[in-house]
């Protein structure tokens, strides 16, 4: 009887030891799994943070480049106007109204002077238009453009009211062509945003 009792105790101790080892193994496996999941989440969050920072940096870089280009175009247009104006002035001075021998003004030179004035006015107008166009064409950053493209109640209502015909698409938005050939889409505020013809899809 005592042998059976000792044997039973040994079996009990052995089973407890085995059970304790199983629990310990399970706990270590669960811990390892949890650590792995936490590590993966942490890596994913860091990667996402890096991507956001890179996107922001790229957007700022693009905005600066566009602004620089716009300034360069404006200054070039101003220089062109100045050059044309000085040229027209010089020509006007050279061909100033000449007087005939009898004291009356020579009409040939008067016509040349009028033409020079017209050229100067035309050049100034064109340069101003170019400068204005260049300034308004400063592109938005990627984030601003994405925000501008959102569908809102205002944009849907404005699209229904537009009388111009749809001629294409631009980043998922309908592109309308105005009566003078200008291409535009309706932004999130329900306003027209003009684009270049080559930007149309």
Protein backbone atom coordinates (compact mmCIF):
# COMPACT_ATOMS: atom_id res chain seq x y z
CA UNK A 1 0.00 0.00 0.00
CA UNK A 2 2.77 2.40 0.92
CA UNK A 3 4.51 1.64 -2.38
CA UNK A 4 1.34 2.54 -4.25
CA UNK A 5 1.05 5.74 -2.25
CA UNK A 6 4.67 6.70 -3.00
CA UNK A 7 4.15 5.88 -6.67
CA UNK A 8 0.99 7.97 -6.76
CA UNK A 9 2.84 10.91 -5.14
CA UNK A 10 5.64 10.62 -7.68
CA UNK A 11 3.12 10.59 -10.56
CA UNK A 12 1.39 13.63 -9.06
CA UNK A 13 4.69 15.54 -8.69
CA UNK A 14 5.75 14.60 -12.22
CA UNK A 15 2.44 15.72 -13.73
CA UNK A 16 2.60 19.02 -11.80
CA UNK A 17 6.13 19.63 -13.05
CA UNK A 18 5.07 18.88 -16.65
CA UNK A 19 2.00 21.09 -16.31
CA UNK A 20 4.13 23.95 -14.88
CA UNK A 21 6.56 23.63 -17.80
CA UNK A 22 3.67 23.74 -20.30
CA UNK A 23 2.26 26.89 -18.67
CA UNK A 24 5.71 28.50 -18.65
CA UNK A 25 6.24 27.67 -22.36
CA UNK A 26 2.81 29.06 -23.27
CA UNK A 27 3.51 32.25 -21.32
CA UNK A 28 6.87 32.76 -23.02
CA UNK A 29 5.32 32.12 -26.47
CA UNK A 30 2.50 34.61 -25.75
CA UNK A 31 5.04 37.18 -24.53
CA UNK A 32 7.18 36.71 -27.65
CA UNK A 33 4.11 37.05 -29.89
CA UNK A 34 2.97 40.23 -28.08
CA UNK A 35 6.45 41.75 -28.36
CA UNK A 36 6.52 40.95 -32.07
CA UNK A 37 3.14 42.64 -32.64
CA UNK A 38 4.19 45.73 -30.63
CA UNK A 39 7.47 45.93 -32.56
CA UNK A 40 5.64 45.66 -35.92
CA UNK A 41 3.20 48.40 -34.92
CA UNK A 42 6.04 50.64 -33.78
CA UNK A 43 7.93 50.12 -37.06
CA UNK A 44 4.78 50.82 -39.07
CA UNK A 45 4.13 54.05 -37.12
CA UNK A 46 7.74 55.21 -37.66
CA UNK A 47 7.53 54.43 -41.38
CA UNK A 48 4.26 56.37 -41.68
CA UNK A 49 5.81 59.31 -39.82
CA UNK A 50 8.82 59.32 -42.17
CA UNK A 51 6.54 59.20 -45.25
CA UNK A 52 4.48 62.13 -43.96
CA UNK A 53 7.61 64.17 -43.25
CA UNK A 54 8.95 63.39 -46.75
CA UNK A 55 5.63 64.33 -48.39
CA UNK A 56 5.55 67.61 -46.48
CA UNK A 57 9.15 68.38 -47.45
CA UNK A 58 8.44 67.59 -51.13
CA UNK A 59 5.32 69.79 -51.10
CA UNK A 60 7.26 72.71 -49.58
CA UNK A 61 10.06 72.22 -52.10
CA UNK A 62 7.57 72.21 -55.01
CA UNK A 63 5.82 75.35 -53.70
CA UNK A 64 9.16 77.19 -53.36
CA UNK A 65 10.20 76.16 -56.89
CA UNK A 66 6.88 77.32 -58.35
CA UNK A 67 7.12 80.64 -56.51
CA UNK A 68 10.69 81.12 -57.75
CA UNK A 69 9.62 80.34 -61.34
CA UNK A 70 6.72 82.79 -61.10
CA UNK A 71 9.03 85.55 -59.81
CA UNK A 72 11.53 84.85 -62.59
CA UNK A 73 8.79 85.04 -65.25
CA UNK A 74 7.43 88.28 -63.79
CA UNK A 75 10.86 89.93 -63.69
CA UNK A 76 11.54 88.74 -67.28
CA UNK A 77 8.23 90.21 -68.43
CA UNK A 78 9.09 93.52 -66.71
CA UNK A 79 12.53 93.58 -68.37
CA UNK A 80 10.95 92.90 -71.78
CA UNK A 81 8.50 95.75 -71.28
CA UNK A 82 11.30 98.09 -70.25
CA UNK A 83 13.40 97.11 -73.27
CA UNK A 84 10.46 97.53 -75.68
CA UNK A 85 9.51 100.86 -74.11
CA UNK A 86 13.04 102.23 -74.36
CA UNK A 87 13.31 100.99 -77.95
CA UNK A 88 9.99 102.62 -78.86
CA UNK A 89 11.08 105.85 -77.13
CA UNK A 90 14.36 105.87 -79.01
CA UNK A 91 12.60 105.28 -82.33
CA UNK A 92 10.11 108.02 -81.51
CA UNK A 93 12.90 110.45 -80.70
CA UNK A 94 14.70 109.55 -83.92
CA UNK A 95 11.54 109.90 -85.95
CA UNK A 96 10.17 112.90 -84.08
CA UNK A 97 7.80 115.07 -86.06
CA UNK A 98 9.91 116.63 -88.77
CA UNK A 99 9.05 119.96 -90.29
CA UNK A 100 9.11 120.64 -94.01
CA UNK A 101 11.02 123.54 -95.53
CA UNK A 102 7.83 125.57 -95.71
CA UNK A 103 7.25 125.12 -91.89
CA UNK A 104 4.41 122.58 -91.97
CA UNK A 105 4.78 119.15 -90.18
CA UNK A 106 5.75 116.22 -92.39
CA UNK A 107 2.93 113.64 -92.15
CA UNK A 108 5.22 110.65 -92.87
CA UNK A 109 7.08 111.19 -89.59
CA UNK A 110 3.85 111.90 -87.68
CA UNK A 111 2.44 108.49 -88.74
CA UNK A 112 5.67 106.79 -87.58
CA UNK A 113 5.39 108.51 -84.19
CA UNK A 114 1.77 107.39 -83.75
CA UNK A 115 2.75 103.83 -84.69
CA UNK A 116 5.57 103.84 -82.12
CA UNK A 117 3.13 104.97 -79.40
CA UNK A 118 0.73 102.17 -80.33
CA UNK A 119 3.57 99.60 -80.23
CA UNK A 120 4.63 100.83 -76.80
CA UNK A 121 1.07 100.64 -75.40
CA UNK A 122 0.58 97.17 -76.89
CA UNK A 123 3.89 95.87 -75.46
CA UNK A 124 3.09 97.27 -72.01
CA UNK A 125 -0.40 95.70 -72.05
CA UNK A 126 0.95 92.30 -73.11
CA UNK A 127 3.68 92.35 -70.47
CA UNK A 128 1.21 93.26 -67.74
CA UNK A 129 -1.12 90.46 -68.84
CA UNK A 130 1.79 87.98 -68.84
CA UNK A 131 2.92 89.12 -65.40
CA UNK A 132 -0.63 88.80 -64.02
CA UNK A 133 -1.09 85.36 -65.59
CA UNK A 134 2.24 84.18 -64.18
CA UNK A 135 1.44 85.42 -60.69
CA UNK A 136 -1.98 83.75 -60.63
CA UNK A 137 -0.50 80.50 -61.89
CA UNK A 138 1.50 79.85 -58.70
CA UNK A 139 0.66 76.21 -58.08
CA UNK A 140 -0.78 74.92 -54.84
CA UNK A 141 0.93 72.32 -52.75
CA UNK A 142 -0.14 68.68 -53.13
CA UNK A 143 -2.06 68.77 -49.82
CA UNK A 144 -3.89 71.99 -50.75
CA UNK A 145 -4.81 70.64 -54.17
CA UNK A 146 -6.09 67.37 -52.65
CA UNK A 147 -8.19 69.38 -50.20
CA UNK A 148 -9.48 71.56 -53.08
CA UNK A 149 -10.58 68.47 -55.03
CA UNK A 150 -12.97 67.17 -52.32
CA UNK A 151 -16.62 66.76 -53.25
CA UNK A 152 -18.85 69.03 -51.14
CA UNK A 153 -22.47 70.09 -51.26
CA UNK A 154 -21.36 73.53 -52.50
CA UNK A 155 -19.32 72.05 -55.36
CA UNK A 156 -22.15 69.70 -56.42
CA UNK A 157 -24.69 72.55 -56.42
CA UNK A 158 -22.32 74.81 -58.41
CA UNK A 159 -21.66 72.04 -60.97
CA UNK A 160 -25.42 71.69 -61.59
CA UNK A 161 -25.73 75.45 -62.22
CA UNK A 162 -22.85 75.61 -64.76
CA UNK A 163 -24.12 76.26 -68.30
CA UNK A 164 -20.79 75.47 -70.01
CA UNK A 165 -20.22 72.03 -71.52
CA UNK A 166 -18.02 69.32 -69.98
CA UNK A 167 -14.91 68.71 -72.12
CA UNK A 168 -12.84 66.34 -70.00
CA UNK A 169 -11.57 65.47 -66.53
CA UNK A 170 -8.84 66.76 -64.19
CA UNK A 171 -7.91 64.53 -61.23
CA UNK A 172 -11.42 63.07 -61.08
CA UNK A 173 -13.22 66.42 -61.47
CA UNK A 174 -15.27 67.46 -64.51
CA UNK A 175 -13.53 70.06 -66.69
CA UNK A 176 -15.76 72.74 -68.25
CA UNK A 177 -14.85 75.00 -71.18
CA UNK A 178 -16.03 78.60 -70.93
CA UNK A 179 -17.33 80.78 -73.80
CA UNK A 180 -13.82 82.21 -74.42
CA UNK A 181 -12.08 78.83 -74.32
CA UNK A 182 -10.92 78.88 -70.69
CA UNK A 183 -10.85 75.47 -68.98
CA UNK A 184 -11.88 75.13 -65.33
CA UNK A 185 -13.29 72.81 -62.67
CA UNK A 186 -15.49 73.53 -59.64
CA UNK A 187 -13.51 73.42 -56.36
CA UNK A 188 -14.81 72.41 -52.89
CA UNK A 189 -16.12 75.94 -52.22
CA UNK A 190 -18.18 75.91 -55.42
CA UNK A 191 -15.87 78.37 -57.21
CA UNK A 192 -14.25 78.05 -60.64
CA UNK A 193 -10.57 77.06 -60.65
CA UNK A 194 -8.93 77.58 -64.04
CA UNK A 195 -6.33 75.15 -65.42
CA UNK A 196 -4.08 74.96 -68.50
CA UNK A 197 -5.40 73.07 -71.51
CA UNK A 198 -2.50 70.57 -71.29
CA UNK A 199 -3.41 69.68 -67.68
CA UNK A 200 -6.72 68.23 -68.81
CA UNK A 201 -6.86 64.40 -68.88
